[in-house]
Amino acid sequence: MNIVILSRNPALYSTHSLHMAARRRGHFVRVIDHMRCELYMGVRGLELYYQNELVENVDAIIPRIGASATSYGAAVIRHFELTRVFSVVKSEPLLRSRDKRTCMQYLVAHGLKVPDSVIASEPGELESAIKRVGPPPVIIKLLNSTQGIGVIKADTVKSAESIIEGFLRLKQKVILQRFIKESNGTDLRIFIVDDKIVASMQRIAAEGEFRSNLHRGAVARKVTLTVEEREVAIRAARTMKLKVAGVDLLRSSKGPLVLEVNASPGLEGIEGTTGIDVAGKIIQFVERNAR
């Protein structure tokens, strides 16, 4: 098959792992920077150009779209979709899951539990918003936060108000969220391909840190999931209509809480921790579904 990986950097671990997995299975693979694609719409129909060359005869695309390129990346995916090219991640689920507000709305509407959360858009609403998520400490997140950037813990009402007011003055939308103390700085990353769990790990925050992102110095280890955790993770990915997803769960006194559903989860941590060829699982999924 002719497979295109949409990625800004072919040297990134996830992109390289997918590239090599596809080549090992005998496919022709090309990495294209989605931000440098030209989208033509006109009398000839829909055409996509890269480096002044028409991109055609593509069987499948594997999008690796970063948070800063979500909007245009989704437009590129849509261009391929409308010309009947199979995409591992569809454009609308990417947009829906990347927006934390929309993602939580869908999850809760479909009966899944998330940490108590409130979105405030005016400084005058802050006191009541903090009361709704419980007493401090509370977690404050930017709507477009990623890899733990833009995620802050506030230990008092005054500090929470000060932080949120600062963000709102900068025209940044924030989510106020209950701090789940019993999770003890850990979360679960569950990797799903084609409605099946293919790998999972537990991430443990570095000493003195509450964020369990590997980019923040957290460590990861293999983990055995409960039946409920497995069911919740699969339901979360299905709810967001993602066939390939990284679902992050918190273990709480109320059961597993969905923290995030990632449409472009990194492979380095999960493959290194579990020893599972997740990239190969994704290529097999492409083989089953591409024309």
Protein backbone atom coordinates (compact mmCIF):
# COMPACT_ATOMS: atom_id res chain seq x y z
CA MET A 1 0.00 0.00 0.00
CA ASN A 2 0.90 3.64 -0.41
CA ILE A 3 0.78 5.18 3.09
CA VAL A 4 1.29 8.83 4.02
CA ILE A 5 2.21 9.85 7.57
CA LEU A 6 1.22 13.43 8.34
CA SER A 7 3.92 14.75 10.66
CA ARG A 8 5.95 17.91 11.05
CA ASN A 9 9.15 16.00 11.79
CA PRO A 10 10.09 12.55 10.43
CA ALA A 11 12.71 12.16 13.18
CA LEU A 12 10.14 12.17 15.99
CA TYR A 13 9.99 8.80 17.74
CA SER A 14 6.31 8.11 16.96
CA THR A 15 6.65 9.08 13.31
CA HIS A 16 9.81 7.03 12.86
CA SER A 17 8.31 4.01 14.63
CA LEU A 18 5.25 4.06 12.36
CA HIS A 19 7.42 4.57 9.29
CA MET A 20 9.61 1.57 10.11
CA ALA A 21 6.67 -0.63 11.06
CA ALA A 22 5.01 0.05 7.70
CA ARG A 23 8.22 -0.59 5.78
CA ARG A 24 8.80 -3.88 7.60
CA ARG A 25 5.39 -5.00 6.32
CA GLY A 26 6.28 -4.10 2.75
CA HIS A 27 4.43 -0.81 2.32
CA PHE A 28 5.60 2.35 0.57
CA VAL A 29 5.63 5.14 3.16
CA ARG A 30 6.08 8.87 2.85
CA VAL A 31 6.18 11.49 5.61
CA ILE A 32 4.48 14.78 4.69
CA ASP A 33 4.45 17.98 6.73
CA HIS A 34 0.73 18.82 6.88
CA MET A 35 1.43 22.51 7.51
CA ARG A 36 3.18 22.73 4.14
CA CYS A 37 0.36 21.13 2.16
CA GLU A 38 -1.60 23.21 -0.36
CA LEU A 39 -5.30 22.40 -0.60
CA TYR A 40 -6.84 23.02 -4.02
CA MET A 41 -10.63 23.26 -4.44
CA GLY A 42 -11.96 24.14 -7.88
CA VAL A 43 -13.13 22.92 -11.26
CA ARG A 44 -10.76 19.95 -11.09
CA GLY A 45 -12.27 18.89 -7.77
CA LEU A 46 -10.13 18.45 -4.65
CA GLU A 47 -6.37 18.23 -5.00
CA LEU A 48 -3.55 18.30 -2.48
CA TYR A 49 -0.03 19.49 -3.27
CA TYR A 50 3.17 19.03 -1.29
CA GLN A 51 6.40 20.73 -2.32
CA ASN A 52 4.66 21.75 -5.56
CA GLU A 53 3.84 18.11 -6.38
CA LEU A 54 0.36 16.60 -6.63
CA VAL A 55 -0.15 13.95 -3.95
CA GLU A 56 -2.19 11.11 -5.45
CA ASN A 57 -2.78 7.35 -5.38
CA VAL A 58 -2.67 7.32 -1.59
CA ASP A 59 -4.31 4.34 0.13
CA ALA A 60 -4.18 5.54 3.73
CA ILE A 61 -2.95 8.36 5.94
CA ILE A 62 -1.73 8.23 9.54
CA PRO A 63 -2.13 11.71 11.06
CA ARG A 64 0.31 12.80 13.75
CA ILE A 65 -1.16 16.26 14.37
CA GLY A 66 0.24 18.36 17.22
CA ALA A 67 -1.91 20.68 19.33
CA SER A 68 -0.56 23.83 17.67
CA ALA A 69 -1.55 22.58 14.20
CA THR A 70 -4.96 21.09 14.99
CA SER A 71 -7.13 23.31 12.78
CA TYR A 72 -5.09 23.13 9.57
CA GLY A 73 -4.15 19.51 10.25
CA ALA A 74 -7.85 18.63 10.42
CA ALA A 75 -8.44 20.44 7.12
CA VAL A 76 -5.71 18.36 5.47
CA ILE A 77 -7.22 15.16 6.87
CA ARG A 78 -10.66 16.21 5.59
CA HIS A 79 -9.22 16.76 2.10
CA PHE A 80 -8.01 13.15 2.06
CA GLU A 81 -11.28 11.86 3.56
CA LEU A 82 -13.38 13.55 0.90
CA THR A 83 -11.30 11.91 -1.80
CA ARG A 84 -11.95 8.48 -0.19
CA VAL A 85 -8.55 7.96 1.37
CA PHE A 86 -8.66 5.98 4.62
CA SER A 87 -7.49 7.92 7.68
CA VAL A 88 -6.48 6.36 10.98
CA VAL A 89 -7.86 9.47 12.71
CA LYS A 90 -10.85 11.28 11.21
CA SER A 91 -10.98 15.08 11.10
CA GLU A 92 -14.06 15.64 13.26
CA PRO A 93 -13.04 13.28 16.09
CA LEU A 94 -9.63 14.98 16.12
CA LEU A 95 -11.22 18.41 16.57
CA ARG A 96 -13.72 17.12 19.13
CA SER A 97 -11.16 15.34 21.31
CA ARG A 98 -8.51 18.07 21.09
CA ASP A 99 -10.91 20.61 22.67
CA LYS A 100 -10.98 19.62 26.36
CA ARG A 101 -14.34 21.31 26.94
CA THR A 102 -16.05 19.51 24.07
CA CYS A 103 -14.39 16.22 24.96
CA MET A 104 -15.67 16.31 28.55
CA GLN A 105 -19.17 17.30 27.40
CA TYR A 106 -19.36 14.24 25.14
CA LEU A 107 -17.91 11.88 27.75
CA VAL A 108 -20.29 12.95 30.52
CA ALA A 109 -23.30 12.99 28.16
CA HIS A 110 -22.52 9.34 27.37
CA GLY A 111 -22.39 8.29 31.01
CA LEU A 112 -18.63 8.37 31.61
CA LYS A 113 -17.16 9.92 34.75
CA VAL A 114 -14.64 12.77 34.67
CA PRO A 115 -13.18 14.79 37.58
CA ASP A 116 -15.68 17.46 38.69
CA SER A 117 -14.96 20.37 36.35
CA VAL A 118 -16.21 23.90 35.72
CA ILE A 119 -15.38 26.31 32.92
CA ALA A 120 -15.48 29.96 33.90
CA SER A 121 -15.24 32.79 31.39
CA GLU A 122 -15.68 35.82 33.68
CA PRO A 123 -13.73 36.77 36.83
CA GLY A 124 -17.00 37.37 38.70
CA GLU A 125 -17.89 33.69 38.40
CA LEU A 126 -14.74 32.35 40.03
CA GLU A 127 -15.89 32.05 43.64
CA SER A 128 -18.94 29.97 42.76
CA ALA A 129 -16.91 27.91 40.24
CA ILE A 130 -14.37 26.96 42.91
CA LYS A 131 -17.15 25.93 45.29
CA ARG A 132 -18.64 23.63 42.66
CA VAL A 133 -15.47 21.56 42.27
CA GLY A 134 -14.82 21.34 46.00
CA PRO A 135 -12.35 22.87 48.44
CA PRO A 136 -8.73 23.55 47.39
CA PRO A 137 -6.40 22.34 46.19
CA VAL A 138 -7.86 22.60 42.70
CA ILE A 139 -6.39 22.04 39.25
CA ILE A 140 -6.44 24.85 36.68
CA LYS A 141 -5.96 23.90 33.02
CA LEU A 142 -5.81 25.87 29.82
CA LEU A 143 -8.24 24.48 27.24
CA ASN A 144 -5.33 23.84 24.87
CA SER A 145 -2.85 22.52 27.44
CA THR A 146 -0.65 19.61 26.39
CA GLN A 147 2.15 17.55 27.99
CA GLY A 148 1.40 19.19 31.34
CA ILE A 149 2.06 22.72 30.04
CA GLY A 150 -0.63 25.13 31.22
CA VAL A 151 -1.70 22.86 34.11
CA ILE A 152 -1.39 24.39 37.60
CA LYS A 153 -2.39 23.30 41.11
CA ALA A 154 -3.74 26.04 43.36
CA ASP A 155 -3.69 25.32 47.09
CA THR A 156 -5.98 28.16 48.22
CA VAL A 157 -9.04 29.99 46.92
CA LYS A 158 -7.05 33.23 46.69
CA SER A 159 -4.27 31.68 44.62
CA ALA A 160 -6.83 29.98 42.34
CA GLU A 161 -8.61 33.28 41.77
CA SER A 162 -5.33 35.06 41.05
CA ILE A 163 -4.16 32.43 38.55
CA ILE A 164 -7.50 32.24 36.72
CA GLU A 165 -7.88 36.03 36.56
CA GLY A 166 -4.42 36.23 35.00
CA PHE A 167 -5.36 33.70 32.33
CA LEU A 168 -8.70 35.41 31.63
CA ARG A 169 -6.97 38.78 31.19
CA LEU A 170 -4.82 37.13 28.53
CA LYS A 171 -8.04 35.91 26.81
CA GLN A 172 -7.26 32.30 27.71
CA LYS A 173 -10.13 29.95 28.52
CA VAL A 174 -9.52 27.69 31.52
CA ILE A 175 -10.99 24.62 33.16
CA LEU A 176 -11.23 24.43 36.94
CA GLN A 177 -11.06 20.81 38.11
CA ARG A 178 -11.23 18.87 41.35
CA PHE A 179 -7.86 17.63 42.59
CA ILE A 180 -8.06 13.84 42.99
CA LYS A 181 -5.86 13.38 46.03
CA GLU A 182 -6.17 9.60 46.19
CA SER A 183 -4.63 9.19 42.72
CA ASN A 184 -1.39 10.21 44.44
CA GLY A 185 0.27 11.74 41.37
CA THR A 186 -0.38 8.73 39.14
CA ASP A 187 -2.55 8.02 36.14
CA LEU A 188 -3.11 5.28 33.59
CA ARG A 189 -2.37 5.60 29.87
CA ILE A 190 -4.35 3.02 27.92
CA PHE A 191 -3.62 2.63 24.21
CA ILE A 192 -6.51 1.53 22.03
CA VAL A 193 -6.39 0.38 18.41
CA ASP A 194 -9.59 -0.63 16.60
CA ASP A 195 -11.70 -0.88 19.78
CA LYS A 196 -9.15 -3.10 21.52
CA ILE A 197 -6.64 -2.34 24.28
CA VAL A 198 -3.19 -3.12 22.91
CA ALA A 199 -1.01 -1.70 25.70
CA SER A 200 -1.27 0.13 29.01
CA MET A 201 1.02 1.69 31.58
CA GLN A 202 0.91 3.56 34.86
CA ARG A 203 2.66 6.93 34.99
CA ILE A 204 4.03 8.14 38.33
CA ALA A 205 4.84 11.80 38.88
CA ALA A 206 8.33 12.85 39.92
CA GLU A 207 8.86 13.75 43.57
CA GLY A 208 7.35 17.14 44.36
CA GLU A 209 5.34 17.14 41.11
CA PHE A 210 1.63 16.41 40.70
CA ARG A 211 1.66 16.09 36.88
CA SER A 212 2.33 12.55 35.68
CA ASN A 213 3.49 13.49 32.17
CA LEU A 214 6.65 11.68 31.08
CA HIS A 215 7.87 15.02 29.67
CA ARG A 216 7.74 16.30 33.28
CA GLY A 217 10.06 13.63 34.64
CA ALA A 218 7.42 11.03 35.50
CA VAL A 219 8.33 7.35 35.33
CA ALA A 220 6.21 4.61 33.80
CA ARG A 221 5.67 0.96 34.56
CA LYS A 222 3.49 -1.89 33.33
CA VAL A 223 0.10 -2.13 34.96
CA THR A 224 -2.74 -4.64 35.21
CA LEU A 225 -6.08 -3.01 34.51
CA THR A 226 -9.32 -3.89 36.24
CA VAL A 227 -12.31 -5.00 34.19
CA GLU A 228 -14.00 -1.65 34.86
CA GLU A 229 -10.94 0.32 33.76
CA ARG A 230 -10.78 -1.64 30.51
CA GLU A 231 -14.47 -1.06 29.82
CA VAL A 232 -14.27 2.67 30.60
CA ALA A 233 -11.23 3.18 28.34
CA ILE A 234 -12.86 1.43 25.38
CA ARG A 235 -16.13 3.32 25.90
CA ALA A 236 -14.27 6.65 26.06
CA ALA A 237 -12.51 6.03 22.73
CA ARG A 238 -15.77 4.89 21.11
CA THR A 239 -17.61 7.92 22.45
CA MET A 240 -15.05 10.21 20.79
CA LYS A 241 -15.21 8.04 17.62
CA LEU A 242 -11.48 7.38 17.75
CA LYS A 243 -10.17 4.05 16.48
CA VAL A 244 -6.64 4.88 17.64
CA ALA A 245 -6.46 6.71 20.97
CA GLY A 246 -4.59 7.13 24.21
CA VAL A 247 -7.09 7.23 27.07
CA ASP A 248 -5.87 8.65 30.38
CA LEU A 249 -7.65 7.49 33.54
CA LEU A 250 -7.36 8.43 37.20
CA ARG A 251 -8.01 5.86 39.91
CA SER A 252 -10.35 7.52 42.42
CA SER A 253 -12.65 6.63 45.30
CA LYS A 254 -15.53 6.93 42.79
CA GLY A 255 -13.95 4.52 40.34
CA PRO A 256 -11.98 5.29 37.17
CA LEU A 257 -12.27 8.89 35.96
CA VAL A 258 -11.49 9.84 32.37
CA LEU A 259 -8.89 12.58 32.34
CA GLU A 260 -8.30 12.84 28.59
CA VAL A 261 -8.80 11.06 25.27
CA ASN A 262 -5.79 11.75 23.07
CA ALA A 263 -6.18 11.47 19.30
CA SER A 264 -2.44 11.57 18.65
CA PRO A 265 -0.84 9.72 21.58
CA GLY A 266 2.93 9.33 21.66
CA LEU A 267 4.41 5.88 21.14
CA GLU A 268 7.78 6.24 22.84
CA GLY A 269 6.62 5.88 26.42
CA ILE A 270 4.14 3.06 25.84
CA GLU A 271 6.43 1.03 23.57
CA GLY A 272 9.46 1.50 25.81
CA THR A 273 7.56 0.58 28.97
CA THR A 274 5.61 -2.41 27.68
CA GLY A 275 7.86 -3.71 24.90
CA ILE A 276 4.77 -3.96 22.67
CA ASP A 277 5.03 -2.96 19.00
CA VAL A 278 2.12 -0.51 19.10
CA ALA A 279 3.15 1.02 15.77
CA GLY A 280 2.85 -2.43 14.18
CA LYS A 281 -0.68 -2.78 15.62
CA ILE A 282 -1.62 0.52 13.97
CA ILE A 283 -0.24 -0.60 10.60
CA GLN A 284 -2.22 -3.84 10.87
CA PHE A 285 -5.33 -1.74 11.52
CA VAL A 286 -4.57 0.23 8.34
CA GLU A 287 -4.18 -3.01 6.37
CA ARG A 288 -7.60 -4.23 7.50
CA ASN A 289 -9.39 -1.03 6.55
CA ALA A 290 -7.63 0.76 3.67
CA ARG A 291 -8.79 0.12 0.15
